[in-house]
Amino acid sequence: MYIKRTIEDKLLLLFGHFPALAILGPRQAGKTTLVKEFRKKLTRESIYLDLETPA
């Protein structure tokens, strides 16, 4: 079950002004889940980069 985060609205606003966003935080905090849900709401194409993956 996904829990809506209050930062989602702020991310949508910021994504309208900036071409890139970085989500930083501690392990197991829900960063990946947040981004996957956030990308579903976008009207333009986006890419997701995991900086811990060598590829």
C-alpha atoms as a PDB file:
ATOM      1  CA  MET A   1       0.000   0.000   0.000  1.00  0.00           C
ATOM      2  CA  TYR A   2       1.392   3.391  -1.024  1.00  0.00           C
ATOM      3  CA  ILE A   3       1.257   6.244   1.484  1.00  0.00           C
ATOM      4  CA  LYS A   4       0.956   9.649  -0.180  1.00  0.00           C
ATOM      5  CA  ARG A   5       3.745  11.954   0.933  1.00  0.00           C
ATOM      6  CA  THR A   6       3.202  15.654   1.491  1.00  0.00           C
ATOM      7  CA  ILE A   7       6.265  16.449  -0.630  1.00  0.00           C
ATOM      8  CA  GLU A   8       4.617  15.127  -3.826  1.00  0.00           C
ATOM      9  CA  ASP A   9       2.884  18.436  -4.596  1.00  0.00           C
ATOM     10  CA  LYS A  10       6.138  20.318  -4.041  1.00  0.00           C
ATOM     11  CA  LEU A  11       7.962  17.913  -6.398  1.00  0.00           C
ATOM     12  CA  LEU A  12       5.391  18.541  -9.151  1.00  0.00           C
ATOM     13  CA  LEU A  13       5.876  22.286  -8.748  1.00  0.00           C
ATOM     14  CA  LEU A  14       9.678  21.991  -8.774  1.00  0.00           C
ATOM     15  CA  PHE A  15       9.650  19.662 -11.783  1.00  0.00           C
ATOM     16  CA  GLY A  16       7.815  22.374 -13.688  1.00  0.00           C
ATOM     17  CA  HIS A  17      10.699  24.784 -13.082  1.00  0.00           C
ATOM     18  CA  PHE A  18      13.772  22.545 -13.137  1.00  0.00           C
ATOM     19  CA  PRO A  19      14.803  19.887 -15.689  1.00  0.00           C
ATOM     20  CA  ALA A  20      16.251  17.544 -13.032  1.00  0.00           C
ATOM     21  CA  LEU A  21      15.434  16.629  -9.454  1.00  0.00           C
ATOM     22  CA  ALA A  22      17.468  14.598  -6.973  1.00  0.00           C
ATOM     23  CA  ILE A  23      15.823  12.665  -4.163  1.00  0.00           C
ATOM     24  CA  LEU A  24      18.186  12.088  -1.255  1.00  0.00           C
ATOM     25  CA  GLY A  25      17.582  10.403   2.066  1.00  0.00           C
ATOM     26  CA  PRO A  26      18.398   7.492   4.342  1.00  0.00           C
ATOM     27  CA  ARG A  27      18.080   3.869   3.324  1.00  0.00           C
ATOM     28  CA  GLN A  28      14.615   2.309   3.447  1.00  0.00           C
ATOM     29  CA  ALA A  29      12.886   5.713   3.569  1.00  0.00           C
ATOM     30  CA  GLY A  30      10.766   5.172   0.441  1.00  0.00           C
ATOM     31  CA  LYS A  31      12.714   7.251  -2.091  1.00  0.00           C
ATOM     32  CA  THR A  32      12.351   4.765  -4.952  1.00  0.00           C
ATOM     33  CA  THR A  33       8.674   4.187  -4.217  1.00  0.00           C
ATOM     34  CA  LEU A  34       8.093   7.951  -4.101  1.00  0.00           C
ATOM     35  CA  VAL A  35       9.766   8.459  -7.488  1.00  0.00           C
ATOM     36  CA  LYS A  36       7.899   5.579  -9.140  1.00  0.00           C
ATOM     37  CA  GLU A  37       4.554   6.970  -7.974  1.00  0.00           C
ATOM     38  CA  PHE A  38       5.582  10.536  -8.854  1.00  0.00           C
ATOM     39  CA  ARG A  39       6.480   9.541 -12.432  1.00  0.00           C
ATOM     40  CA  LYS A  40       2.949   8.195 -12.955  1.00  0.00           C
ATOM     41  CA  LYS A  41       1.608  11.745 -12.472  1.00  0.00           C
ATOM     42  CA  LEU A  42       3.916  13.430 -14.971  1.00  0.00           C
ATOM     43  CA  THR A  43       2.599  14.625 -18.302  1.00  0.00           C
ATOM     44  CA  ARG A  44       6.012  14.735 -19.985  1.00  0.00           C
ATOM     45  CA  GLU A  45       8.622  12.049 -20.483  1.00  0.00           C
ATOM     46  CA  SER A  46      11.152  11.456 -17.725  1.00  0.00           C
ATOM     47  CA  ILE A  47      13.995   9.094 -16.914  1.00  0.00           C
ATOM     48  CA  TYR A  48      14.939   7.518 -13.602  1.00  0.00           C
ATOM     49  CA  LEU A  49      18.603   7.113 -12.723  1.00  0.00           C
ATOM     50  CA  ASP A  50      19.774   5.000  -9.823  1.00  0.00           C
ATOM     51  CA  LEU A  51      23.243   6.328  -9.027  1.00  0.00           C
ATOM     52  CA  GLU A  52      24.158   3.195  -7.069  1.00  0.00           C
ATOM     53  CA  THR A  53      23.764   1.005 -10.158  1.00  0.00           C
ATOM     54  CA  PRO A  54      26.991   0.934 -12.221  1.00  0.00           C
ATOM     55  CA  ALA A  55      25.047   0.702 -15.514  1.00  0.00           C
END
